Amino acid sequence: MNVRELMALLAKQDPDAMVVLSAKEGAECVAEFDLIQPCTVRRANETNSFMGDYRIAADGVKTVWLGWSEGYDTEYTQRIIQNPNEELGT
């Protein structure tokens, strides 16, 4: 979904409603996003419900990452966005 499509969908919602993201630890766990950061992604070779279908990359599709500043993986994700050639787990 691109930003224009997201804006069109959000325009149909209550403008005072909170926007939340999955907190990854259960269906009832959500977080209010408070970070927006541009990055680029490429479609993953292998996809699944845990790993997703895209990977942050040095080149690829222009993307906007939405995150939560207190998320357990936020610092790591932001580091990868800044240096997409960094290998996972380092």
C-alpha atoms as a PDB file:
ATOM      1  CA  MET A   1       0.000   0.000   0.000  1.00  0.00           C
ATOM      2  CA  ASN A   2       1.390   3.415  -0.817  1.00  0.00           C
ATOM      3  CA  VAL A   3       0.972   6.641   1.162  1.00  0.00           C
ATOM      4  CA  ARG A   4      -1.784   7.926  -1.147  1.00  0.00           C
ATOM      5  CA  GLU A   5      -3.815   4.716  -0.627  1.00  0.00           C
ATOM      6  CA  LEU A   6      -3.301   4.881   3.130  1.00  0.00           C
ATOM      7  CA  MET A   7      -4.411   8.512   3.206  1.00  0.00           C
ATOM      8  CA  ALA A   8      -7.580   7.616   1.276  1.00  0.00           C
ATOM      9  CA  LEU A   9      -8.382   4.819   3.726  1.00  0.00           C
ATOM     10  CA  LEU A  10      -7.673   6.992   6.755  1.00  0.00           C
ATOM     11  CA  ALA A  11      -9.841   9.781   5.305  1.00  0.00           C
ATOM     12  CA  LYS A  12     -12.832   7.458   5.729  1.00  0.00           C
ATOM     13  CA  GLN A  13     -12.138   7.013   9.454  1.00  0.00           C
ATOM     14  CA  ASP A  14     -12.943   9.147  12.481  1.00  0.00           C
ATOM     15  CA  PRO A  15     -10.267  11.875  12.372  1.00  0.00           C
ATOM     16  CA  ASP A  16     -10.041  11.786  16.180  1.00  0.00           C
ATOM     17  CA  ALA A  17      -9.449   8.026  16.330  1.00  0.00           C
ATOM     18  CA  MET A  18      -6.050   6.767  17.466  1.00  0.00           C
ATOM     19  CA  VAL A  19      -3.903   4.855  14.950  1.00  0.00           C
ATOM     20  CA  VAL A  20      -2.240   1.756  16.411  1.00  0.00           C
ATOM     21  CA  LEU A  21       0.198  -0.897  15.240  1.00  0.00           C
ATOM     22  CA  SER A  22       0.460  -4.545  16.147  1.00  0.00           C
ATOM     23  CA  ALA A  23       2.772  -4.978  19.119  1.00  0.00           C
ATOM     24  CA  LYS A  24       3.766  -8.476  17.867  1.00  0.00           C
ATOM     25  CA  GLU A  25       3.117 -10.206  21.162  1.00  0.00           C
ATOM     26  CA  GLY A  26      -0.517 -11.095  20.780  1.00  0.00           C
ATOM     27  CA  ALA A  27      -3.649 -10.102  18.952  1.00  0.00           C
ATOM     28  CA  GLU A  28      -4.834  -7.832  21.749  1.00  0.00           C
ATOM     29  CA  CYS A  29      -1.468  -6.040  22.093  1.00  0.00           C
ATOM     30  CA  VAL A  30      -1.150  -2.804  20.122  1.00  0.00           C
ATOM     31  CA  ALA A  31       0.895   0.390  20.307  1.00  0.00           C
ATOM     32  CA  GLU A  32       0.262   3.949  19.172  1.00  0.00           C
ATOM     33  CA  PHE A  33       2.844   4.726  16.505  1.00  0.00           C
ATOM     34  CA  ASP A  34       4.936   7.821  17.121  1.00  0.00           C
ATOM     35  CA  LEU A  35       7.724   7.437  14.572  1.00  0.00           C
ATOM     36  CA  ILE A  36       7.685   7.866  10.808  1.00  0.00           C
ATOM     37  CA  GLN A  37      10.908   7.274   8.912  1.00  0.00           C
ATOM     38  CA  PRO A  38      11.577   7.000   5.179  1.00  0.00           C
ATOM     39  CA  CYS A  39      13.491   3.947   3.985  1.00  0.00           C
ATOM     40  CA  THR A  40      13.702   1.567   1.026  1.00  0.00           C
ATOM     41  CA  VAL A  41      12.664  -2.076   0.874  1.00  0.00           C
ATOM     42  CA  ARG A  42      12.852  -5.069  -1.444  1.00  0.00           C
ATOM     43  CA  ARG A  43      10.452  -7.998  -1.586  1.00  0.00           C
ATOM     44  CA  ALA A  44      11.766 -10.882   0.503  1.00  0.00           C
ATOM     45  CA  ASN A  45      12.776 -14.127  -1.187  1.00  0.00           C
ATOM     46  CA  GLU A  46      10.843 -16.089   1.407  1.00  0.00           C
ATOM     47  CA  THR A  47       7.832 -14.723   3.270  1.00  0.00           C
ATOM     48  CA  ASN A  48       5.853 -15.825   6.279  1.00  0.00           C
ATOM     49  CA  SER A  49       3.572 -14.344   8.911  1.00  0.00           C
ATOM     50  CA  PHE A  50       6.447 -13.865  11.361  1.00  0.00           C
ATOM     51  CA  MET A  51       9.069 -12.318   9.056  1.00  0.00           C
ATOM     52  CA  GLY A  52       6.812 -10.353   6.698  1.00  0.00           C
ATOM     53  CA  ASP A  53       7.142  -9.971   2.944  1.00  0.00           C
ATOM     54  CA  TYR A  54       9.683  -7.134   2.549  1.00  0.00           C
ATOM     55  CA  ARG A  55      13.200  -6.458   3.824  1.00  0.00           C
ATOM     56  CA  ILE A  56      14.891  -3.106   4.411  1.00  0.00           C
ATOM     57  CA  ALA A  57      17.440  -2.611   1.631  1.00  0.00           C
ATOM     58  CA  ALA A  58      19.920  -0.042   0.327  1.00  0.00           C
ATOM     59  CA  ASP A  59      17.895   0.237  -2.875  1.00  0.00           C
ATOM     60  CA  GLY A  60      14.383  -0.703  -3.819  1.00  0.00           C
ATOM     61  CA  VAL A  61      10.899   0.649  -3.296  1.00  0.00           C
ATOM     62  CA  LYS A  62      10.614   4.019  -1.520  1.00  0.00           C
ATOM     63  CA  THR A  63       8.852   3.274   1.742  1.00  0.00           C
ATOM     64  CA  VAL A  64       7.687   4.920   4.957  1.00  0.00           C
ATOM     65  CA  TRP A  65       8.287   2.938   8.156  1.00  0.00           C
ATOM     66  CA  LEU A  66       5.828   3.491  11.029  1.00  0.00           C
ATOM     67  CA  GLY A  67       7.067   2.577  14.471  1.00  0.00           C
ATOM     68  CA  TRP A  68       6.666   2.961  18.200  1.00  0.00           C
ATOM     69  CA  SER A  69       9.545   4.601  20.080  1.00  0.00           C
ATOM     70  CA  GLU A  70       9.243   2.155  22.981  1.00  0.00           C
ATOM     71  CA  GLY A  71       9.099  -1.003  20.858  1.00  0.00           C
ATOM     72  CA  TYR A  72      11.654  -3.669  21.732  1.00  0.00           C
ATOM     73  CA  ASP A  73      12.933  -3.797  18.142  1.00  0.00           C
ATOM     74  CA  THR A  74      12.674  -0.092  17.260  1.00  0.00           C
ATOM     75  CA  GLU A  75      16.311   0.812  17.940  1.00  0.00           C
ATOM     76  CA  TYR A  76      17.495  -2.134  15.850  1.00  0.00           C
ATOM     77  CA  THR A  77      15.092  -1.323  12.996  1.00  0.00           C
ATOM     78  CA  GLN A  78      16.213   2.302  12.931  1.00  0.00           C
ATOM     79  CA  ARG A  79      19.858   1.173  12.856  1.00  0.00           C
ATOM     80  CA  ILE A  80      19.135  -1.070   9.863  1.00  0.00           C
ATOM     81  CA  ILE A  81      17.281   1.777   8.109  1.00  0.00           C
ATOM     82  CA  GLN A  82      20.372   3.983   8.556  1.00  0.00           C
ATOM     83  CA  ASN A  83      22.725   1.201   7.410  1.00  0.00           C
ATOM     84  CA  PRO A  84      20.739  -1.316   5.317  1.00  0.00           C
ATOM     85  CA  ASN A  85      23.860  -3.294   4.394  1.00  0.00           C
ATOM     86  CA  GLU A  86      24.368  -4.253   8.046  1.00  0.00           C
ATOM     87  CA  GLU A  87      23.864  -7.962   8.505  1.00  0.00           C
ATOM     88  CA  LEU A  88      21.096  -9.196  10.780  1.00  0.00           C
ATOM     89  CA  GLY A  89      22.210 -10.048  14.267  1.00  0.00           C
ATOM     90  CA  THR A  90      25.340  -7.884  14.286  1.00  0.00           C
END
